[in-house]
Amino acid sequence: ILQDRPFIEHYRKNESDEWLIRFIYGFEA
């Protein structure tokens, strides 16, 4: 979670043990 703006980096491990990333930003996200 970033402190200076509404922005989150979301890492998740999939079924193949690979890590994927999503960027989520904005107050309505």
All heavy atoms as atom14 arrays in JSON, in Angstrom:
{
  "sequence": "ILQDRPFIEHYRKNESDEWLIRFIYGFEA",
  "atom14_mask": [
    [1, 1, 1, 1, 1, 1, 1, 1, 0, 0, 0, 0, 0, 0],
    [1, 1, 1, 1, 1, 1, 1, 1, 0, 0, 0, 0, 0, 0],
    [1, 1, 1, 1, 1, 1, 1, 1, 1, 0, 0, 0, 0, 0],
    [1, 1, 1, 1, 1, 1, 1, 1, 0, 0, 0, 0, 0, 0],
    [1, 1, 1, 1, 1, 1, 1, 1, 1, 1, 1, 0, 0, 0],
    [1, 1, 1, 1, 1, 1, 1, 0, 0, 0, 0, 0, 0, 0],
    [1, 1, 1, 1, 1, 1, 1, 1, 1, 1, 1, 0, 0, 0],
    [1, 1, 1, 1, 1, 1, 1, 1, 0, 0, 0, 0, 0, 0],
    [1, 1, 1, 1, 1, 1, 1, 1, 1, 0, 0, 0, 0, 0],
    [1, 1, 1, 1, 1, 1, 1, 1, 1, 1, 0, 0, 0, 0],
    [1, 1, 1, 1, 1, 1, 1, 1, 1, 1, 1, 1, 0, 0],
    [1, 1, 1, 1, 1, 1, 1, 1, 1, 1, 1, 0, 0, 0],
    [1, 1, 1, 1, 1, 1, 1, 1, 1, 0, 0, 0, 0, 0],
    [1, 1, 1, 1, 1, 1, 1, 1, 0, 0, 0, 0, 0, 0],
    [1, 1, 1, 1, 1, 1, 1, 1, 1, 0, 0, 0, 0, 0],
    [1, 1, 1, 1, 1, 1, 0, 0, 0, 0, 0, 0, 0, 0],
    [1, 1, 1, 1, 1, 1, 1, 1, 0, 0, 0, 0, 0, 0],
    [1, 1, 1, 1, 1, 1, 1, 1, 1, 0, 0, 0, 0, 0],
    [1, 1, 1, 1, 1, 1, 1, 1, 1, 1, 1, 1, 1, 1],
    [1, 1, 1, 1, 1, 1, 1, 1, 0, 0, 0, 0, 0, 0],
    [1, 1, 1, 1, 1, 1, 1, 1, 0, 0, 0, 0, 0, 0],
    [1, 1, 1, 1, 1, 1, 1, 1, 1, 1, 1, 0, 0, 0],
    [1, 1, 1, 1, 1, 1, 1, 1, 1, 1, 1, 0, 0, 0],
    [1, 1, 1, 1, 1, 1, 1, 1, 0, 0, 0, 0, 0, 0],
    [1, 1, 1, 1, 1, 1, 1, 1, 1, 1, 1, 1, 0, 0],
    [1, 1, 1, 1, 0, 0, 0, 0, 0, 0, 0, 0, 0, 0],
    [1, 1, 1, 1, 1, 1, 1, 1, 1, 1, 1, 0, 0, 0],
    [1, 1, 1, 1, 1, 1, 1, 1, 1, 0, 0, 0, 0, 0],
    [1, 1, 1, 1, 1, 0, 0, 0, 0, 0, 0, 0, 0, 0]
  ],
  "atom14_positions": [
    [[0.85, -1.19, 0.0], [0.0, 0.0, 0.0], [0.89, 1.24, 0.0], [1.73, 1.41, 0.89], [-0.92, 0.01, 1.24], [-1.79, -1.25, 1.25], [-1.75, 1.29, 1.29], [-2.61, -1.41, 2.52], [0.0, 0.0, 0.0], [0.0, 0.0, 0.0], [0.0, 0.0, 0.0], [0.0, 0.0, 0.0], [0.0, 0.0, 0.0], [0.0, 0.0, 0.0]],
    [[0.71, 2.09, -0.98], [1.45, 3.35, -1.04], [0.83, 4.35, -0.07], [-0.39, 4.38, 0.1], [1.48, 3.92, -2.45], [2.59, 3.37, -3.36], [2.38, 1.92, -3.68], [2.72, 4.21, -4.58], [0.0, 0.0, 0.0], [0.0, 0.0, 0.0], [0.0, 0.0, 0.0], [0.0, 0.0, 0.0], [0.0, 0.0, 0.0], [0.0, 0.0, 0.0]],
    [[1.66, 5.2, 0.52], [1.18, 6.19, 1.48], [0.73, 7.49, 0.85], [-0.15, 8.16, 1.39], [2.29, 6.54, 2.47], [2.65, 5.46, 3.42], [3.73, 5.94, 4.4], [4.18, 7.08, 4.36], [4.12, 5.06, 5.29], [0.0, 0.0, 0.0], [0.0, 0.0, 0.0], [0.0, 0.0, 0.0], [0.0, 0.0, 0.0], [0.0, 0.0, 0.0]],
    [[1.31, 7.85, -0.28], [1.1, 9.19, -0.81], [0.03, 9.32, -1.87], [-0.27, 10.41, -2.33], [2.42, 9.76, -1.34], [2.99, 8.93, -2.48], [2.53, 7.79, -2.69], [3.91, 9.42, -3.15], [0.0, 0.0, 0.0], [0.0, 0.0, 0.0], [0.0, 0.0, 0.0], [0.0, 0.0, 0.0], [0.0, 0.0, 0.0], [0.0, 0.0, 0.0]],
    [[-0.57, 8.22, -2.26], [-1.68, 8.26, -3.23], [-2.42, 6.93, -3.17], [-1.88, 5.94, -2.71], [-1.17, 8.54, -4.64], [-0.27, 7.48, -5.22], [0.25, 7.93, -6.61], [0.9, 6.85, -7.3], [2.21, 6.59, -7.23], [2.99, 7.35, -6.5], [2.72, 5.59, -7.89], [0.0, 0.0, 0.0], [0.0, 0.0, 0.0], [0.0, 0.0, 0.0]],
    [[-3.67, 6.89, -3.63], [-4.44, 5.64, -3.57], [-3.94, 4.65, -4.65], [-4.43, 4.65, -5.78], [-5.88, 6.09, -3.82], [-5.75, 7.36, -4.58], [-4.48, 8.0, -4.13], [0.0, 0.0, 0.0], [0.0, 0.0, 0.0], [0.0, 0.0, 0.0], [0.0, 0.0, 0.0], [0.0, 0.0, 0.0], [0.0, 0.0, 0.0], [0.0, 0.0, 0.0]],
    [[-2.99, 3.85, -4.26], [-2.34, 2.93, -5.2], [-1.88, 1.69, -4.42], [-1.22, 1.82, -3.39], [-1.14, 3.61, -5.86], [-0.52, 2.82, -6.97], [-0.94, 3.0, -8.28], [0.47, 1.88, -6.71], [-0.35, 2.28, -9.31], [1.05, 1.15, -7.74], [0.64, 1.35, -9.04], [0.0, 0.0, 0.0], [0.0, 0.0, 0.0], [0.0, 0.0, 0.0]],
    [[-2.22, 0.54, -4.95], [-1.86, -0.73, -4.32], [-1.21, -1.63, -5.36], [-1.68, -1.72, -6.5], [-3.1, -1.42, -3.72], [-3.56, -0.64, -2.49], [-2.83, -2.88, -3.38], [-4.77, -1.19, -1.82], [0.0, 0.0, 0.0], [0.0, 0.0, 0.0], [0.0, 0.0, 0.0], [0.0, 0.0, 0.0], [0.0, 0.0, 0.0], [0.0, 0.0, 0.0]],
    [[-0.14, -2.29, -4.94], [0.47, -3.35, -5.74], [-0.01, -4.66, -5.13], [0.19, -4.91, -3.93], [1.99, -3.27, -5.68], [2.54, -1.99, -6.27], [4.04, -1.85, -6.07], [4.73, -2.88, -5.86], [4.52, -0.71, -6.13], [0.0, 0.0, 0.0], [0.0, 0.0, 0.0], [0.0, 0.0, 0.0], [0.0, 0.0, 0.0], [0.0, 0.0, 0.0]],
    [[-0.65, -5.48, -5.94], [-1.23, -6.74, -5.45], [-0.55, -7.9, -6.17], [-0.74, -8.1, -7.35], [-2.73, -6.75, -5.74], [-3.43, -7.98, -5.28], [-4.7, -8.28, -5.68], [-3.05, -8.99, -4.46], [-5.07, -9.42, -5.12], [-4.08, -9.86, -4.38], [0.0, 0.0, 0.0], [0.0, 0.0, 0.0], [0.0, 0.0, 0.0], [0.0, 0.0, 0.0]],
    [[0.27, -8.63, -5.42], [0.96, -9.8, -5.96], [0.2, -11.04, -5.53], [-0.25, -11.13, -4.38], [2.39, -9.88, -5.4], [3.26, -8.71, -5.78], [3.23, -7.54, -5.04], [4.12, -8.79, -6.86], [4.04, -6.46, -5.37], [4.93, -7.71, -7.21], [4.88, -6.55, -6.45], [5.68, -5.49, -6.79], [0.0, 0.0, 0.0], [0.0, 0.0, 0.0]],
    [[0.09, -12.0, -6.43], [-0.55, -13.26, -6.06], [0.12, -14.41, -6.78], [0.6, -14.27, -7.91], [-2.04, -13.24, -6.36], [-2.38, -13.2, -7.83], [-3.89, -13.28, -8.05], [-4.18, -13.19, -9.46], [-4.18, -14.22, -10.3], [-3.92, -15.42, -9.88], [-4.44, -14.04, -11.58], [0.0, 0.0, 0.0], [0.0, 0.0, 0.0], [0.0, 0.0, 0.0]],
    [[0.15, -15.54, -6.11], [0.75, -16.74, -6.68], [-0.35, -17.55, -7.36], [-1.4, -17.81, -6.77], [1.41, -17.56, -5.56], [2.14, -18.78, -6.05], [3.02, -19.4, -4.98], [2.28, -19.84, -3.76], [3.11, -20.62, -2.83], [0.0, 0.0, 0.0], [0.0, 0.0, 0.0], [0.0, 0.0, 0.0], [0.0, 0.0, 0.0], [0.0, 0.0, 0.0]],
    [[-0.1, -17.95, -8.61], [-1.1, -18.74, -9.33], [-0.86, -20.24, -9.12], [0.05, -20.65, -8.4], [-1.17, -18.35, -10.81], [0.07, -18.72, -11.59], [0.91, -19.5, -11.15], [0.18, -18.16, -12.79], [0.0, 0.0, 0.0], [0.0, 0.0, 0.0], [0.0, 0.0, 0.0], [0.0, 0.0, 0.0], [0.0, 0.0, 0.0], [0.0, 0.0, 0.0]],
    [[-1.65, -21.05, -9.8], [-1.57, -22.51, -9.65], [-0.23, -23.08, -10.1], [0.17, -24.16, -9.68], [-2.69, -23.19, -10.46], [-4.1, -22.79, -10.06], [-4.52, -21.45, -10.68], [-4.02, -21.08, -11.77], [-5.33, -20.76, -10.04], [0.0, 0.0, 0.0], [0.0, 0.0, 0.0], [0.0, 0.0, 0.0], [0.0, 0.0, 0.0], [0.0, 0.0, 0.0]],
    [[0.49, -22.36, -10.95], [1.81, -22.8, -11.44], [2.95, -22.24, -10.58], [4.1, -22.29, -10.99], [2.0, -22.35, -12.89], [0.99, -22.86, -13.7], [0.0, 0.0, 0.0], [0.0, 0.0, 0.0], [0.0, 0.0, 0.0], [0.0, 0.0, 0.0], [0.0, 0.0, 0.0], [0.0, 0.0, 0.0], [0.0, 0.0, 0.0], [0.0, 0.0, 0.0]],
    [[2.61, -21.68, -9.43], [3.59, -21.06, -8.53], [4.31, -19.87, -9.15], [5.43, -19.55, -8.78], [4.61, -22.09, -8.01], [4.01, -23.03, -6.98], [2.97, -22.67, -6.38], [4.56, -24.11, -6.78], [0.0, 0.0, 0.0], [0.0, 0.0, 0.0], [0.0, 0.0, 0.0], [0.0, 0.0, 0.0], [0.0, 0.0, 0.0], [0.0, 0.0, 0.0]],
    [[3.66, -19.21, -10.09], [4.19, -17.98, -10.68], [3.52, -16.81, -9.96], [2.34, -16.87, -9.64], [3.86, -17.91, -12.17], [4.44, -19.04, -12.97], [3.86, -19.11, -14.37], [2.64, -18.9, -14.53], [4.63, -19.39, -15.28], [0.0, 0.0, 0.0], [0.0, 0.0, 0.0], [0.0, 0.0, 0.0], [0.0, 0.0, 0.0], [0.0, 0.0, 0.0]],
    [[4.28, -15.76, -9.74], [3.74, -14.58, -9.09], [3.3, -13.57, -10.13], [4.07, -13.19, -11.01], [4.77, -13.97, -8.14], [4.89, -14.78, -6.89], [5.68, -15.86, -6.67], [4.14, -14.6, -5.7], [5.49, -16.36, -5.41], [4.54, -15.59, -4.79], [3.17, -13.68, -5.29], [4.01, -15.7, -3.5], [2.65, -13.78, -4.0], [3.07, -14.78, -3.14]],
    [[2.04, -13.15, -10.04], [1.46, -12.16, -10.95], [1.23, -10.88, -10.15], [1.02, -10.91, -8.94], [0.14, -12.67, -11.51], [0.2, -14.06, -12.17], [-1.19, -14.52, -12.56], [1.14, -14.04, -13.36], [0.0, 0.0, 0.0], [0.0, 0.0, 0.0], [0.0, 0.0, 0.0], [0.0, 0.0, 0.0], [0.0, 0.0, 0.0], [0.0, 0.0, 0.0]],
    [[1.23, -9.76, -10.86], [1.03, -8.48, -10.19], [-0.12, -7.72, -10.84], [-0.3, -7.77, -12.06], [2.31, -7.62, -10.19], [2.1, -6.35, -9.39], [2.77, -7.33, -11.6], [3.34, -5.53, -9.17], [0.0, 0.0, 0.0], [0.0, 0.0, 0.0], [0.0, 0.0, 0.0], [0.0, 0.0, 0.0], [0.0, 0.0, 0.0], [0.0, 0.0, 0.0]],
    [[-0.9, -7.06, -10.01], [-1.96, -6.15, -10.46], [-1.71, -4.8, -9.79], [-1.34, -4.76, -8.61], [-3.34, -6.64, -10.03], [-3.87, -7.79, -10.82], [-5.28, -8.09, -10.39], [-5.21, -8.97, -9.23], [-6.23, -9.64, -8.75], [-7.42, -9.53, -9.27], [-6.07, -10.42, -7.71], [0.0, 0.0, 0.0], [0.0, 0.0, 0.0], [0.0, 0.0, 0.0]],
    [[-1.91, -3.75, -10.54], [-1.83, -2.4, -9.98], [-3.25, -1.88, -9.84], [-4.02, -1.9, -10.8], [-1.01, -1.48, -10.88], [0.41, -1.95, -11.03], [0.86, -2.49, -12.22], [1.3, -1.85, -9.98], [2.16, -2.93, -12.37], [2.62, -2.28, -10.12], [3.04, -2.82, -11.31], [0.0, 0.0, 0.0], [0.0, 0.0, 0.0], [0.0, 0.0, 0.0]],
    [[-3.6, -1.42, -8.65], [-4.95, -0.96, -8.37], [-4.83, 0.47, -7.88], [-4.09, 0.74, -6.92], [-5.6, -1.86, -7.29], [-5.57, -3.32, -7.75], [-7.02, -1.41, -7.0], [-5.67, -4.32, -6.65], [0.0, 0.0, 0.0], [0.0, 0.0, 0.0], [0.0, 0.0, 0.0], [0.0, 0.0, 0.0], [0.0, 0.0, 0.0], [0.0, 0.0, 0.0]],
    [[-5.53, 1.39, -8.53], [-5.37, 2.78, -8.15], [-6.67, 3.54, -8.29], [-7.56, 3.15, -9.06], [-4.26, 3.46, -8.97], [-4.38, 3.26, -10.46], [-5.09, 4.16, -11.24], [-3.81, 2.15, -11.07], [-5.21, 3.97, -12.6], [-3.94, 1.95, -12.43], [-4.64, 2.87, -13.19], [-4.76, 2.66, -14.54], [0.0, 0.0, 0.0], [0.0, 0.0, 0.0]],
    [[-6.78, 4.6, -7.51], [-7.97, 5.45, -7.51], [-8.88, 5.1, -6.35], [-9.02, 3.94, -5.98], [0.0, 0.0, 0.0], [0.0, 0.0, 0.0], [0.0, 0.0, 0.0], [0.0, 0.0, 0.0], [0.0, 0.0, 0.0], [0.0, 0.0, 0.0], [0.0, 0.0, 0.0], [0.0, 0.0, 0.0], [0.0, 0.0, 0.0], [0.0, 0.0, 0.0]],
    [[-9.51, 6.1, -5.79], [-10.37, 5.89, -4.63], [-11.55, 4.97, -4.9], [-12.05, 4.32, -4.0], [-10.88, 7.24, -4.1], [-9.81, 8.05, -3.45], [-9.36, 9.23, -4.03], [-9.23, 7.65, -2.25], [-8.37, 9.99, -3.42], [-8.24, 8.39, -1.64], [-7.81, 9.57, -2.23], [0.0, 0.0, 0.0], [0.0, 0.0, 0.0], [0.0, 0.0, 0.0]],
    [[-12.01, 4.92, -6.13], [-13.17, 4.08, -6.45], [-12.79, 2.65, -6.81], [-13.66, 1.79, -6.96], [-13.99, 4.71, -7.58], [-14.53, 6.09, -7.23], [-15.29, 6.12, -5.91], [-16.12, 5.24, -5.67], [-15.03, 7.04, -5.11], [0.0, 0.0, 0.0], [0.0, 0.0, 0.0], [0.0, 0.0, 0.0], [0.0, 0.0, 0.0], [0.0, 0.0, 0.0]],
    [[-11.51, 2.36, -6.93], [-11.06, 1.0, -7.26], [-11.29, 0.07, -6.07], [-11.44, 0.49, -4.94], [-9.59, 1.03, -7.64], [0.0, 0.0, 0.0], [0.0, 0.0, 0.0], [0.0, 0.0, 0.0], [0.0, 0.0, 0.0], [0.0, 0.0, 0.0], [0.0, 0.0, 0.0], [0.0, 0.0, 0.0], [0.0, 0.0, 0.0], [0.0, 0.0, 0.0]]
  ]
}
